[in-house]
Protein backbone atom coordinates (compact mmCIF):
# COMPACT_ATOMS: atom_id res chain seq x y z
CA MET A 1 145.85 35.22 -5.28
CA ALA A 2 145.31 31.77 -3.77
CA ASN A 3 143.31 29.25 -5.77
CA LEU A 4 140.33 28.91 -3.45
CA GLU A 5 138.38 26.64 -5.84
CA SER A 6 140.35 23.54 -4.81
CA PRO A 7 140.52 22.13 -1.26
CA SER A 8 144.31 22.25 -1.27
CA GLY A 9 144.24 25.89 -2.38
CA LEU A 10 141.84 26.75 0.45
CA ILE A 11 144.04 25.00 3.03
CA GLN A 12 147.18 26.77 1.77
CA HIS A 13 145.35 30.07 1.92
CA LEU A 14 144.33 29.42 5.53
CA MET A 15 147.87 28.36 6.40
CA GLY A 16 149.27 31.54 4.93
CA MET A 17 146.76 33.57 6.94
CA THR A 18 147.81 31.70 10.09
CA VAL A 19 151.51 32.41 9.47
CA ARG A 20 150.84 36.07 8.72
CA GLN A 21 148.60 36.44 11.76
CA SER A 22 151.32 34.86 13.95
CA ARG A 23 153.97 37.41 12.93
CA PRO A 24 155.21 39.37 15.98
CA SER A 25 154.82 43.08 16.53
CA LEU A 26 157.73 45.49 15.96
CA VAL A 27 158.53 45.63 19.69
CA LYS A 28 158.63 41.84 19.94
CA LEU A 29 160.63 41.68 16.73
CA PHE A 30 163.15 44.19 18.10
CA VAL A 31 163.47 42.42 21.45
CA GLY A 32 163.60 38.98 19.81
CA THR A 33 166.27 40.15 17.40
CA LEU A 34 168.65 42.02 19.71
CA LEU A 35 168.26 40.33 23.05
CA PRO A 36 169.65 36.81 22.34
CA PRO A 37 172.91 38.02 20.66
CA LEU A 38 173.48 40.61 23.41
CA VAL A 39 172.89 38.02 26.13
CA VAL A 40 175.39 35.70 24.45
CA LEU A 41 177.89 38.59 24.17
CA ALA A 42 177.52 39.38 27.86
CA PHE A 43 177.91 35.71 28.79
CA VAL A 44 181.06 35.29 26.69
CA VAL A 45 182.63 38.50 28.00
CA LEU A 46 181.84 37.78 31.65
CA PHE A 47 182.82 34.13 31.66
CA ARG A 48 185.50 34.41 28.95
CA THR A 49 184.28 31.18 27.34
CA SER A 50 185.80 30.00 24.10
CA GLY A 51 182.59 28.51 22.62
CA ARG A 52 181.51 31.73 20.95
CA TYR A 53 180.36 30.26 17.62
CA PRO A 54 177.97 27.65 19.08
CA LEU A 55 176.51 30.19 21.49
CA PHE A 56 175.90 32.83 18.82
CA THR A 57 174.52 30.11 16.52
CA ALA A 58 172.07 29.16 19.26
CA ALA A 59 171.08 32.83 19.55
CA ILE A 60 170.44 32.99 15.79
CA ILE A 61 168.34 29.82 15.98
CA ALA A 62 166.28 31.29 18.82
CA CYS A 63 165.71 34.55 16.97
CA ALA A 64 164.78 32.80 13.71
CA TRP A 65 162.37 30.39 15.43
CA PHE A 66 160.55 32.88 17.60
CA GLY A 67 160.93 36.04 15.50
CA GLY A 68 160.90 34.69 11.97
CA PHE A 69 163.23 34.89 9.01
CA ALA A 70 163.89 38.64 9.30
CA SER A 71 164.83 38.29 12.97
CA GLY A 72 167.17 35.43 12.13
CA VAL A 73 168.92 37.43 9.39
CA VAL A 74 169.27 40.52 11.59
CA ALA A 75 170.53 38.37 14.48
CA THR A 76 173.04 36.75 12.10
CA VAL A 77 174.37 40.09 10.93
CA LEU A 78 174.46 41.43 14.51
CA SER A 79 176.21 38.30 15.83
CA THR A 80 178.80 38.45 13.04
CA ALA A 81 179.43 42.11 13.73
CA LEU A 82 179.75 41.56 17.51
CA MET A 83 182.21 38.69 17.13
CA TRP A 84 184.20 40.64 14.51
CA TRP A 85 184.36 43.74 16.78
CA PHE A 86 185.01 42.14 20.14
CA PHE A 87 186.81 38.87 19.48
CA VAL A 88 188.81 39.10 16.25
CA GLU A 89 192.27 40.64 16.68
CA PRO A 90 192.80 43.48 16.67
CA THR A 91 189.59 44.08 18.65
CA HIS A 92 187.45 47.20 18.40
CA VAL A 93 188.60 47.73 14.83
CA VAL A 94 186.38 47.29 11.81
CA PHE A 95 189.01 46.78 9.18
CA LYS A 96 191.31 43.93 10.16
CA PRO A 97 194.63 42.93 8.64
CA PRO A 98 194.61 40.66 5.57
CA GLU A 99 195.29 37.55 7.60
CA ALA A 100 192.09 38.06 9.64
CA PRO A 101 189.38 35.35 9.22
CA TYR A 102 187.30 37.14 6.59
CA ILE A 103 186.28 33.85 5.02
CA GLY A 104 185.21 32.45 8.37
CA ALA A 105 183.07 35.52 9.03
CA LEU A 106 181.40 35.17 5.63
CA VAL A 107 180.82 31.46 6.24
CA PHE A 108 179.24 32.26 9.62
CA LEU A 109 177.10 34.96 8.04
CA GLY A 110 175.91 32.60 5.28
CA THR A 111 175.31 29.80 7.75
CA GLY A 112 173.14 32.05 9.91
CA ILE A 113 171.04 33.11 6.90
CA LEU A 114 170.72 29.51 5.79
CA ILE A 115 169.64 28.48 9.30
CA SER A 116 167.05 31.31 9.29
CA ALA A 117 165.65 30.15 5.95
CA ILE A 118 165.47 26.53 7.11
CA LEU A 119 163.77 27.52 10.34
CA ARG A 120 161.29 29.69 8.42
CA ARG A 121 160.33 26.64 6.38
CA LEU A 122 160.07 24.50 9.48
CA ARG A 123 158.06 27.18 11.25
CA ARG A 124 155.60 27.39 8.36
CA THR A 125 155.35 23.63 8.22
CA ALA A 126 154.62 23.50 11.93
CA ALA A 127 151.99 26.23 11.54
CA ALA A 128 150.48 24.37 8.60
CA LEU A 129 150.33 21.15 10.58
CA ALA A 130 148.69 22.96 13.44
CA GLN A 131 146.20 24.56 11.07
CA SER A 132 145.44 21.22 9.40
CA GLN A 133 144.91 19.65 12.80
CA GLN A 134 142.52 22.46 13.73
CA LEU A 135 140.61 22.08 10.45
CA LEU A 136 140.38 18.32 10.87
CA GLN A 137 139.31 18.72 14.48
CA GLY A 138 136.62 21.22 13.46
CA ILE A 139 135.31 18.92 10.73
CA VAL A 140 135.24 15.91 13.03
CA GLU A 141 133.57 17.73 15.91
CA HIS A 142 130.90 19.47 13.83
CA SER A 143 130.19 16.67 11.36
CA PRO A 144 126.58 15.37 11.49
CA ASN A 145 128.02 11.91 10.87
CA GLY A 146 129.44 9.88 13.71
CA ILE A 147 133.22 9.45 13.40
CA ALA A 148 135.36 7.06 15.44
CA ILE A 149 138.95 5.80 15.30
CA LYS A 150 140.02 2.45 16.76
CA ASP A 151 143.46 1.01 17.35
CA LEU A 152 144.63 -2.36 16.07
CA GLU A 153 143.10 -4.01 19.14
CA ARG A 154 139.73 -2.58 17.96
CA ARG A 155 139.51 -0.25 20.98
CA TYR A 156 137.97 3.21 20.60
CA ILE A 157 140.62 5.95 20.78
CA VAL A 158 138.74 8.87 19.13
CA LEU A 159 135.00 9.66 19.20
CA ASN A 160 133.16 12.76 18.07
CA LYS A 161 129.94 14.02 19.62
CA ALA A 162 127.77 12.84 16.74
CA PHE A 163 129.03 9.27 17.18
CA GLU A 164 128.26 9.39 20.87
CA HIS A 165 124.73 10.58 20.06
CA LEU A 166 124.05 8.06 17.28
CA GLU A 167 125.40 5.04 19.11
CA GLY A 168 124.13 6.17 22.51
CA LEU A 169 127.63 6.10 23.99
CA LYS A 170 129.49 8.27 26.47
CA LEU A 171 133.07 9.28 25.83
CA GLU A 172 134.37 8.44 29.29
CA ASP A 173 132.70 4.99 29.20
CA THR A 174 133.81 4.10 25.67
CA LEU A 175 137.46 5.08 25.17
CA GLN A 176 139.87 2.14 25.29
CA ARG A 177 136.95 -0.29 25.05
CA ARG A 178 135.68 -2.43 22.18
CA ALA A 179 132.28 -2.46 20.49
CA GLU A 180 131.26 -5.67 22.22
CA ASP A 181 131.89 -3.99 25.59
CA VAL A 182 129.54 -1.04 25.05
CA LEU A 183 126.98 -2.00 22.32
CA PRO A 184 124.19 -4.60 22.13
CA SER A 185 125.54 -8.03 21.27
CA ARG A 186 123.81 -8.36 17.86
CA LEU A 187 125.21 -5.05 16.61
CA ALA A 188 128.56 -5.58 18.29
CA ASP A 189 129.02 -8.98 16.64
CA VAL A 190 128.44 -7.53 13.17
CA ILE A 191 130.84 -4.64 13.86
CA ALA A 192 133.48 -7.03 15.18
CA ASP A 193 133.25 -9.22 12.06
CA HIS A 194 133.63 -6.19 9.80
CA GLU A 195 136.57 -4.82 11.78
CA LYS A 196 138.40 -8.16 11.52
CA GLU A 197 137.80 -8.23 7.75
CA VAL A 198 139.09 -4.67 7.44
CA LEU A 199 142.30 -5.65 9.26
CA GLU A 200 142.76 -8.82 7.21
CA LYS A 201 141.84 -7.59 3.73
CA HIS A 202 142.62 -3.85 3.99
CA THR A 203 139.20 -3.16 2.46
CA THR A 204 136.21 -0.94 3.27
CA MET A 205 133.11 -2.57 4.75
CA LEU A 206 129.66 -0.97 4.53
CA PHE A 207 126.42 -2.15 6.15
CA GLU A 208 123.10 -0.95 7.56
CA ALA A 209 122.12 -1.50 11.17
CA ARG A 210 119.00 -0.87 13.23
CA PHE A 211 119.78 0.69 16.60
CA ASP A 212 117.51 2.35 19.13
CA GLY A 213 114.76 3.02 16.57
CA HIS A 214 117.18 4.45 14.00
CA THR A 215 118.69 3.06 10.81
CA LEU A 216 122.44 3.64 10.60
CA LEU A 217 124.72 3.29 7.60
CA ILE A 218 128.09 2.28 9.08
CA SER A 219 131.34 2.25 7.13
CA HIS A 220 134.58 0.68 8.43
CA PHE A 221 137.83 1.41 6.58
CA PRO A 222 141.57 0.98 7.20
CA LEU A 223 143.92 3.87 8.00
CA LEU A 224 147.27 3.25 6.30
CA ASP A 225 150.72 4.70 6.92
CA GLU A 226 153.38 5.48 4.30
CA SER A 227 154.27 1.79 4.07
CA GLN A 228 150.64 0.86 3.42
CA ARG A 229 150.38 -0.84 6.79
CA VAL A 230 147.21 -0.51 8.82
CA PHE A 231 147.77 1.52 11.96
CA ALA A 232 144.11 2.14 12.90
CA ILE A 233 140.50 1.48 11.89
CA GLY A 234 138.15 4.31 10.94
CA ALA A 235 134.38 4.20 11.31
CA ILE A 236 131.70 6.59 10.04
CA ALA A 237 128.03 6.20 11.05
CA THR A 238 125.28 8.09 9.21
CA ASP A 239 121.67 8.28 10.34
CA ILE A 240 119.61 7.33 7.26
CA THR A 241 116.31 6.81 9.08
CA ARG A 242 114.53 9.56 7.14
CA GLN A 243 115.94 8.37 3.82
CA LYS A 244 114.85 4.80 4.55
CA LEU A 245 111.34 5.93 5.46
CA ASP A 246 111.15 8.01 2.28
CA GLN A 247 112.48 5.10 0.25
CA GLU A 248 109.95 2.71 1.75
CA ALA A 249 107.15 5.20 1.11
CA LEU A 250 108.32 5.59 -2.49
CA GLN A 251 108.49 1.84 -2.98
CA GLN A 252 104.99 1.52 -1.51
CA SER A 253 103.70 4.21 -3.89
CA LEU A 254 105.35 2.52 -6.86
CA SER A 255 103.87 -0.82 -5.83
CA GLU A 256 100.39 0.70 -5.51
CA LEU A 257 100.84 2.44 -8.88
CA ARG A 258 101.80 -0.86 -10.54
CA ILE A 259 98.75 -2.54 -9.02
CA ALA A 260 96.48 0.31 -10.10
CA GLU A 261 97.88 0.25 -13.65
CA HIS A 262 97.46 -3.51 -13.81
CA VAL A 263 93.87 -3.40 -12.57
CA ALA A 264 92.94 -0.53 -14.88
CA HIS A 265 95.06 -1.99 -17.71
CA VAL A 266 96.67 1.43 -18.19
CA GLY A 267 100.37 1.81 -18.93
CA SER A 268 102.50 4.94 -18.71
CA TRP A 269 105.58 6.17 -20.55
CA ARG A 270 107.90 9.17 -20.57
CA TRP A 271 110.04 10.51 -23.38
CA ASP A 272 112.93 12.90 -22.64
CA PHE A 273 113.51 15.06 -25.73
CA ARG A 274 116.99 16.10 -24.53
CA THR A 275 118.41 12.58 -24.24
CA ASN A 276 115.89 10.82 -26.53
CA LYS A 277 115.44 8.23 -23.78
CA THR A 278 112.08 6.62 -23.09
CA THR A 279 110.85 4.76 -20.01
CA TRP A 280 107.87 2.40 -19.95
CA SER A 281 105.88 1.08 -17.04
CA ASP A 282 105.46 -2.68 -16.63
CA GLU A 283 101.84 -2.53 -17.73
CA LEU A 284 102.73 -0.83 -21.01
CA TYR A 285 104.89 -3.81 -21.93
CA GLU A 286 101.91 -6.00 -21.08
CA ILE A 287 99.51 -3.97 -23.25
CA PHE A 288 101.79 -4.09 -26.31
CA GLY A 289 102.88 -7.69 -25.67
CA ILE A 290 106.60 -6.84 -25.59
CA GLU A 291 109.22 -8.54 -23.43
CA ARG A 292 110.37 -6.36 -20.53
CA ASP A 293 114.04 -6.82 -21.36
CA ARG A 294 113.52 -4.99 -24.66
CA SER A 295 114.69 -1.37 -24.61
CA PRO A 296 111.67 0.97 -24.77
CA LEU A 297 111.31 3.40 -27.67
CA PRO A 298 108.95 6.33 -28.35
CA LEU A 299 105.61 5.00 -29.63
CA LEU A 300 106.06 6.74 -32.98
CA ASN A 301 109.48 5.11 -33.56
CA PRO A 302 109.31 2.98 -36.74
CA GLY A 303 111.58 0.43 -35.05
CA LEU A 304 108.71 -0.70 -32.84
CA ARG A 305 106.52 -1.73 -35.76
CA LEU A 306 103.53 -1.62 -33.46
CA LEU A 307 101.30 1.26 -34.50
CA SER A 308 99.51 1.36 -37.81
CA ARG A 309 100.75 3.90 -40.34
CA GLU A 310 97.79 6.18 -39.69
CA SER A 311 98.35 5.97 -35.92
CA VAL A 312 102.05 6.80 -36.31
CA LEU A 313 101.17 9.90 -38.32
CA ARG A 314 98.61 10.99 -35.72
CA VAL A 315 101.08 10.53 -32.85
CA ALA A 316 103.82 12.36 -34.78
CA GLY A 317 101.48 15.29 -35.41
CA ALA A 318 100.41 15.40 -31.76
CA ILE A 319 104.03 15.29 -30.53
CA ASP A 320 105.04 18.08 -32.92
CA LYS A 321 102.17 20.23 -31.67
CA LEU A 322 103.09 19.47 -28.05
CA ARG A 323 106.72 20.41 -28.71
CA ASN A 324 105.72 23.69 -30.34
CA ASP A 325 103.01 24.99 -28.03
CA GLY A 326 102.71 22.44 -25.20
CA ALA A 327 99.22 21.30 -26.25
CA PRO A 328 98.14 18.00 -24.59
CA PHE A 329 96.75 15.25 -26.77
CA GLU A 330 94.16 12.46 -26.64
CA LEU A 331 94.29 9.84 -29.40
CA ASP A 332 92.77 6.45 -30.13
CA LEU A 333 95.55 4.38 -31.74
CA GLU A 334 95.49 1.07 -33.57
CA PHE A 335 98.44 -1.28 -33.03
CA THR A 336 99.46 -4.85 -33.77
CA ARG A 337 101.03 -7.00 -31.07
CA PRO A 338 103.96 -9.32 -31.89
CA ASP A 339 101.51 -12.26 -31.81
CA GLY A 340 99.56 -10.67 -34.71
CA ALA A 341 96.55 -9.49 -32.69
CA THR A 342 95.19 -6.08 -33.69
CA ARG A 343 94.19 -3.95 -30.74
CA TRP A 344 93.40 -0.35 -29.76
CA CYS A 345 94.66 1.95 -27.02
CA ALA A 346 93.66 5.41 -25.84
CA ALA A 347 96.81 7.54 -25.56
CA ARG A 348 96.90 10.74 -23.54
CA GLY A 349 99.95 12.94 -23.06
CA GLU A 350 101.09 16.22 -21.53
CA ALA A 351 104.29 18.24 -21.81
CA ILE A 352 107.09 18.00 -19.24
CA ARG A 353 108.71 21.36 -18.50
CA ASP A 354 111.93 22.34 -16.71
CA ALA A 355 112.32 25.07 -14.08
CA GLN A 356 112.46 27.73 -16.84
CA GLY A 357 109.21 26.50 -18.39
CA ARG A 358 110.88 24.96 -21.46
CA ILE A 359 109.34 21.78 -22.85
CA THR A 360 111.79 18.92 -22.25
CA GLY A 361 109.66 15.84 -22.81
CA VAL A 362 106.26 14.20 -22.73
CA ALA A 363 104.52 12.12 -20.06
CA ALA A 364 101.75 9.93 -21.39
CA THR A 365 99.46 7.01 -20.66
CA ALA A 366 98.05 4.26 -22.87
CA ALA A 367 94.89 2.38 -21.90
CA ASP A 368 93.78 -0.79 -23.68
CA ILE A 369 90.34 0.02 -25.16
CA THR A 370 90.09 -2.89 -27.58
CA HIS A 371 86.84 -4.15 -26.02
CA ILE A 372 85.37 -0.63 -26.10
CA MET A 373 86.35 -0.18 -29.75
CA HIS A 374 84.77 -3.54 -30.56
CA LEU A 375 81.50 -2.48 -28.96
CA GLU A 376 81.79 0.92 -30.66
CA ARG A 377 82.25 -0.73 -34.02
CA LEU A 378 79.18 -2.89 -33.40
CA ARG A 379 77.18 0.19 -32.45
CA GLU A 380 78.40 2.11 -35.48
CA GLU A 381 77.59 -0.76 -37.82
CA TRP A 382 74.15 -1.12 -36.25
CA THR A 383 73.56 2.64 -36.57
CA SER A 384 74.70 2.53 -40.17
CA ILE A 385 72.36 -0.35 -40.95
CA VAL A 386 69.40 1.30 -39.23
CA ALA A 387 70.08 4.64 -40.88
CA HIS A 388 70.41 2.96 -44.26
CA ASP A 389 67.17 0.98 -43.80
CA LEU A 390 65.28 4.09 -42.70
CA ARG A 391 66.09 5.87 -45.93
CA GLN A 392 63.64 3.81 -47.99
CA PRO A 393 60.46 4.45 -45.93
CA ILE A 394 61.43 8.11 -45.56
CA SER A 395 61.85 8.38 -49.33
CA VAL A 396 58.43 6.74 -49.82
CA ILE A 397 56.79 9.21 -47.44
CA SER A 398 58.57 12.17 -49.04
CA ASN A 399 57.75 11.08 -52.60
CA ALA A 400 54.11 10.36 -51.71
CA SER A 401 53.68 13.78 -50.12
CA GLU A 402 55.02 15.34 -53.33
CA LEU A 403 53.02 13.20 -55.81
CA ILE A 404 49.59 13.23 -54.14
CA PRO A 405 48.94 16.93 -54.95
CA GLU A 406 49.94 16.26 -58.55
CA LEU A 407 47.72 13.17 -58.94
CA TYR A 408 44.70 14.34 -56.99
CA LYS A 409 42.93 17.52 -56.37
CA VAL A 410 43.66 18.14 -52.68
CA PRO A 411 41.72 20.74 -50.71
CA GLY A 412 43.71 23.52 -49.04
CA GLU A 413 43.53 22.08 -45.53
CA GLU A 414 44.80 18.64 -46.63
CA LEU A 415 47.44 20.30 -48.83
CA SER A 416 48.80 22.16 -45.82
CA MET A 417 49.03 18.86 -43.91
CA LEU A 418 50.85 17.21 -46.83
CA GLN A 419 53.35 20.07 -46.87
CA ARG A 420 54.01 19.56 -43.14
CA ILE A 421 54.50 15.84 -43.79
CA GLN A 422 56.94 16.67 -46.58
CA SER A 423 58.86 19.10 -44.34
CA ALA A 424 59.01 16.58 -41.50
CA ALA A 425 60.19 13.87 -43.90
CA GLY A 426 62.93 16.20 -45.15
CA THR A 427 64.05 16.92 -41.58
CA LEU A 428 64.03 13.22 -40.74
CA LYS A 429 66.03 12.46 -43.90
CA ARG A 430 68.71 15.00 -42.91
CA MET A 431 68.92 13.46 -39.44
CA VAL A 432 69.28 9.96 -40.88
CA ASP A 433 71.92 11.18 -43.34
CA ASP A 434 73.82 12.74 -40.44
CA LEU A 435 73.63 9.51 -38.46
CA LEU A 436 74.85 7.52 -41.47
CA ASP A 437 77.74 9.95 -42.10
CA ALA A 438 78.70 9.90 -38.43
CA SER A 439 78.73 6.11 -38.33
CA LEU A 440 80.84 5.95 -41.51
CA LEU A 441 83.31 8.47 -40.10
CA GLU A 442 83.63 6.67 -36.76
CA ALA A 443 84.06 3.31 -38.49
CA HIS A 444 86.66 4.89 -40.82
CA HIS A 445 84.54 3.77 -43.80
CA LEU A 446 83.96 7.24 -45.28
CA LYS A 447 85.42 7.25 -48.79
CA LEU A 448 86.74 10.46 -50.32
CA GLU A 449 86.67 10.90 -54.09
CA ARG A 450 89.47 13.44 -54.35
CA THR A 451 90.07 15.66 -57.36
CA VAL A 452 91.99 18.88 -57.96
CA VAL A 453 89.58 21.83 -58.00
CA ASP A 454 89.61 25.61 -57.91
CA PRO A 455 88.58 26.68 -54.37
CA GLY A 456 86.82 29.79 -55.70
CA ALA A 457 84.58 27.78 -57.99
CA LEU A 458 83.97 25.28 -55.17
CA VAL A 459 82.85 28.05 -52.79
CA ARG A 460 80.52 29.64 -55.34
CA GLU A 461 78.93 26.27 -56.17
CA ALA A 462 78.34 25.59 -52.45
CA VAL A 463 76.68 29.01 -52.03
CA GLU A 464 74.35 28.30 -54.95
CA ARG A 465 73.32 24.94 -53.49
CA VAL A 466 72.09 26.52 -50.23
CA ARG A 467 70.60 29.64 -51.76
CA HIS A 468 67.12 28.33 -50.90
CA VAL A 469 68.16 28.58 -47.23
CA THR A 470 70.38 31.69 -47.24
CA GLY A 471 68.73 33.67 -50.02
CA ASP A 472 70.94 36.50 -51.29
CA ARG A 473 72.55 37.20 -47.88
CA VAL A 474 75.91 35.57 -48.63
CA GLU A 475 78.70 38.01 -49.55
CA ILE A 476 81.84 36.38 -51.00
CA ALA A 477 85.29 37.98 -50.79
CA GLU A 478 88.47 36.41 -52.21
CA SER A 479 92.13 37.27 -51.58
CA GLY A 480 95.56 35.77 -52.05
CA SER A 481 97.20 33.90 -54.92
CA SER A 482 95.61 31.37 -57.24
CA LEU A 483 95.83 27.94 -55.61
CA GLU A 484 94.20 24.57 -56.14
CA VAL A 485 93.06 22.01 -53.57
CA CYS A 486 92.83 18.24 -53.86
CA VAL A 487 89.54 17.39 -52.14
CA ASP A 488 86.27 15.52 -52.47
CA PRO A 489 84.12 18.37 -53.91
CA MET A 490 80.82 16.86 -52.75
CA ARG A 491 82.07 16.51 -49.14
CA ILE A 492 83.59 20.02 -49.00
CA GLU A 493 80.34 21.44 -50.42
CA GLN A 494 78.58 19.50 -47.65
CA VAL A 495 80.86 21.21 -45.11
CA LEU A 496 80.31 24.69 -46.52
CA GLY A 497 76.59 24.06 -46.90
CA ASN A 498 76.35 23.05 -43.25
CA LEU A 499 78.21 26.16 -42.06
CA LEU A 500 76.20 28.50 -44.30
CA SER A 501 72.89 26.86 -43.26
CA ASN A 502 73.82 27.24 -39.58
CA ALA A 503 74.72 30.89 -40.17
CA ALA A 504 71.32 31.46 -41.78
CA LYS A 505 69.35 29.50 -39.16
CA TYR A 506 70.99 30.80 -35.99
CA GLY A 507 72.19 34.26 -37.10
CA ASP A 508 70.42 37.57 -37.47
CA ALA A 509 67.96 37.22 -40.38
CA ASN A 510 68.50 40.83 -41.44
CA SER A 511 72.32 40.73 -41.50
CA PRO A 512 74.51 39.47 -44.35
CA ILE A 513 76.63 36.32 -44.11
CA HIS A 514 80.28 36.98 -44.99
CA LEU A 515 82.31 34.23 -46.68
CA GLN A 516 86.03 35.03 -46.94
CA LEU A 517 88.32 32.92 -49.17
CA ASP A 518 92.05 33.48 -48.56
CA CYS A 519 94.73 31.55 -50.48
CA THR A 520 98.18 31.59 -48.90
CA GLY A 521 101.39 29.83 -49.93
CA THR A 522 100.60 26.46 -48.35
CA GLU A 523 96.88 26.36 -47.56
CA VAL A 524 93.46 27.70 -48.41
CA GLN A 525 91.45 29.28 -45.60
CA ILE A 526 87.68 29.78 -45.70
CA ALA A 527 85.84 31.80 -43.05
CA VAL A 528 82.04 31.99 -42.63
CA MET A 529 80.89 34.86 -40.38
CA ASN A 530 77.40 35.86 -39.29
CA ARG A 531 75.92 38.25 -36.73
CA GLY A 532 73.67 37.01 -33.95
CA LYS A 533 73.57 35.73 -30.39
CA GLY A 534 76.91 33.96 -30.75
CA VAL A 535 78.31 31.04 -28.76
CA PRO A 536 79.35 31.38 -25.10
CA ALA A 537 83.11 31.03 -24.57
CA ASP A 538 82.72 28.02 -22.26
CA GLU A 539 80.89 26.10 -25.01
CA LEU A 540 83.41 26.66 -27.82
CA PRO A 541 85.69 23.70 -26.84
CA ARG A 542 82.68 21.30 -27.01
CA LEU A 543 81.13 22.76 -30.15
CA PHE A 544 82.46 20.02 -32.47
CA ASN A 545 81.62 17.07 -30.18
CA ARG A 546 79.02 14.47 -31.14
CA PHE A 547 75.44 15.40 -30.23
CA ALA A 548 76.65 18.75 -28.84
CA ARG A 549 74.27 21.71 -29.12
CA SER A 550 74.85 25.08 -27.51
CA ARG A 551 72.28 26.77 -25.31
CA THR A 552 71.49 29.26 -28.07
CA THR A 553 70.71 26.54 -30.64
CA VAL A 554 68.63 24.50 -28.21
CA GLY A 555 66.43 27.51 -27.54
CA SER A 556 66.14 28.49 -31.20
CA GLY A 557 63.50 25.89 -32.11
CA VAL A 558 65.62 24.56 -35.00
CA PRO A 559 65.51 20.72 -34.99
CA GLY A 560 68.75 18.72 -35.08
CA LEU A 561 70.81 15.99 -33.43
CA GLY A 562 73.97 18.04 -32.85
CA LEU A 563 75.92 16.01 -35.42
CA GLY A 564 76.38 18.66 -38.11
CA LEU A 565 79.50 20.34 -36.75
CA TYR A 566 80.93 16.99 -35.62
CA ILE A 567 80.59 15.64 -39.17
CA THR A 568 81.99 18.88 -40.56
CA LYS A 569 85.10 18.59 -38.37
CA GLU A 570 85.66 14.93 -39.23
CA ILE A 571 85.37 15.60 -42.96
CA VAL A 572 87.80 18.54 -42.79
CA GLU A 573 90.32 16.56 -40.76
CA ALA A 574 89.96 13.59 -43.12
CA HIS A 575 91.24 15.97 -45.82
CA GLY A 576 94.23 16.87 -43.63
CA GLY A 577 92.75 20.24 -42.73
CA ARG A 578 91.79 22.17 -39.61
CA ILE A 579 88.58 23.77 -38.36
CA TRP A 580 87.96 26.12 -35.44
CA ALA A 581 85.42 28.67 -34.28
CA GLU A 582 85.57 32.18 -32.80
CA SER A 583 82.59 33.95 -31.28
CA GLU A 584 81.83 37.22 -29.57
CA PRO A 585 78.44 36.76 -27.87
CA GLY A 586 75.85 39.25 -29.08
CA LYS A 587 78.01 40.24 -32.06
CA THR A 588 79.62 37.79 -34.47
CA THR A 589 80.44 34.11 -34.85
CA THR A 590 83.08 32.92 -37.33
CA PHE A 591 83.94 29.37 -38.42
CA HIS A 592 87.37 28.92 -40.02
CA ILE A 593 88.45 26.09 -42.31
CA ALA A 594 92.05 25.53 -43.46
CA LEU A 595 92.75 23.03 -46.25
CA PRO A 596 96.26 22.18 -47.52
CA ALA A 597 96.99 23.38 -51.05
CA ALA A 598 97.44 20.68 -53.67
CA GLN A 599 101.05 21.71 -54.31
CA ALA A 600 101.87 21.54 -50.58
CA GLN A 601 100.33 18.05 -50.38
CA ARG A 602 102.43 16.85 -53.32
CA GLU A 603 105.63 18.25 -51.76
CA ALA A 604 104.83 16.62 -48.39
CA ALA A 605 104.20 13.30 -50.12
């Protein structure tokens, strides 16, 4: 079978098909095989000529050329037999005496076969050349590119239809004429200069030209013979108008993108996981204060020495999560420029996927938010100061409302008012505490006093601390192996107390609150579930945001700033844990906490 994967294999296959298709029919083969030797025999007998061998050789050549190798061999055998029968003494006898020219007959027979073989090769070569010429002609005529051949005098000798169309020429008006005779002078002068350089330097010349509203890419190249001498000049013209328009549009878009990034002070970067190559936009270099000739690296690469250690860990965690499940990320990162200035950027990234949906990289942006973080820090510090200063008058009001009934005999009506004052002071104190915790968390000033504790004992202690709110409704269930956690007990009790208080306040008052403690190999999970109205699905993603309150809590009449769950999330994440919520409206709501086990933390460290 022919090797059709290579161009030469395809051409040989087509040549073979041409030769096979050109084989004569049996009738033509019979006539072409017998007729020439018989005609020669008749001519020799009638005219009694002595040039029998050349005439029969000519007959063999004719048969082999027109009928093929088989015809040539048969004609050779027939010619040998005819000459042996009619012209070798004694005639009309097959077996001749020993002195008869047996060797000469064998030589003639071998010569005829050899001639047939040579002619078969020549015939195939001729067919191949014809086929190649047809293929070349088909390619030239149907090529979308304009193709022209010029002689050494730079006159057109071959033009295809596409060239006529692109250059606006007519075949009958162009052949045997030069470019300067048929094209505008500006274009013709450039073409003439290139043609002269092709002839002098035997090199290829490539240039773009505008002609009749189109942009053409024109290539001139030398055509060389076996001695490497130029015998003609080739030219190929390609219409690249659409490509140029697309390129200009792309360049315009890139320019507008650079301007937009510069105005917004937002840089972009891409990281290909397959090649580990990263590309940065110009503005990203500007944000990080890095020279543009420096090779870009992924932001989490230690070689950059830009991001703080905490920021590197946060980016690494976000990239790992993106690689695993394609989750986008939004992070506020602290970095230090080469000039020593500490700044902040807001990084956002999404997964890049291939045609099969596999994650192959990340596309991200980084916006300089240093001025915003500065204002945020000022706000947080101001909030912290105000919240701290409010604690003293609130404590005075709360203490006074508790001491007055003990120091004085207060009538029932006034006592009821004092109790309302005490309750309001307690609510205000919780709000101020939440504001102070939130400001400490946002300013990264919240200190954790970690110690290794038993999670079961921690859960039971937290339940006891909020028993005045939940009563005896909390049901505790424990499962899994015995593990320890390294946490700040007071802060984790604050988290559990907040979740249990919410379950009591917003859940069904007549239904129990289920607290499930599950210890696995690497983490401790705690779930708090209550029955009630639940949280709508569209509000779950915003449940842990600052000052966020669902429609069900707003309508419940329970006071609050919407900071409880935000503080809970920040405390859990500060411990390296996770928190999430699940809710089925009208049935149950469950808050899950996952904290790393102490052993797992030590192994990771």
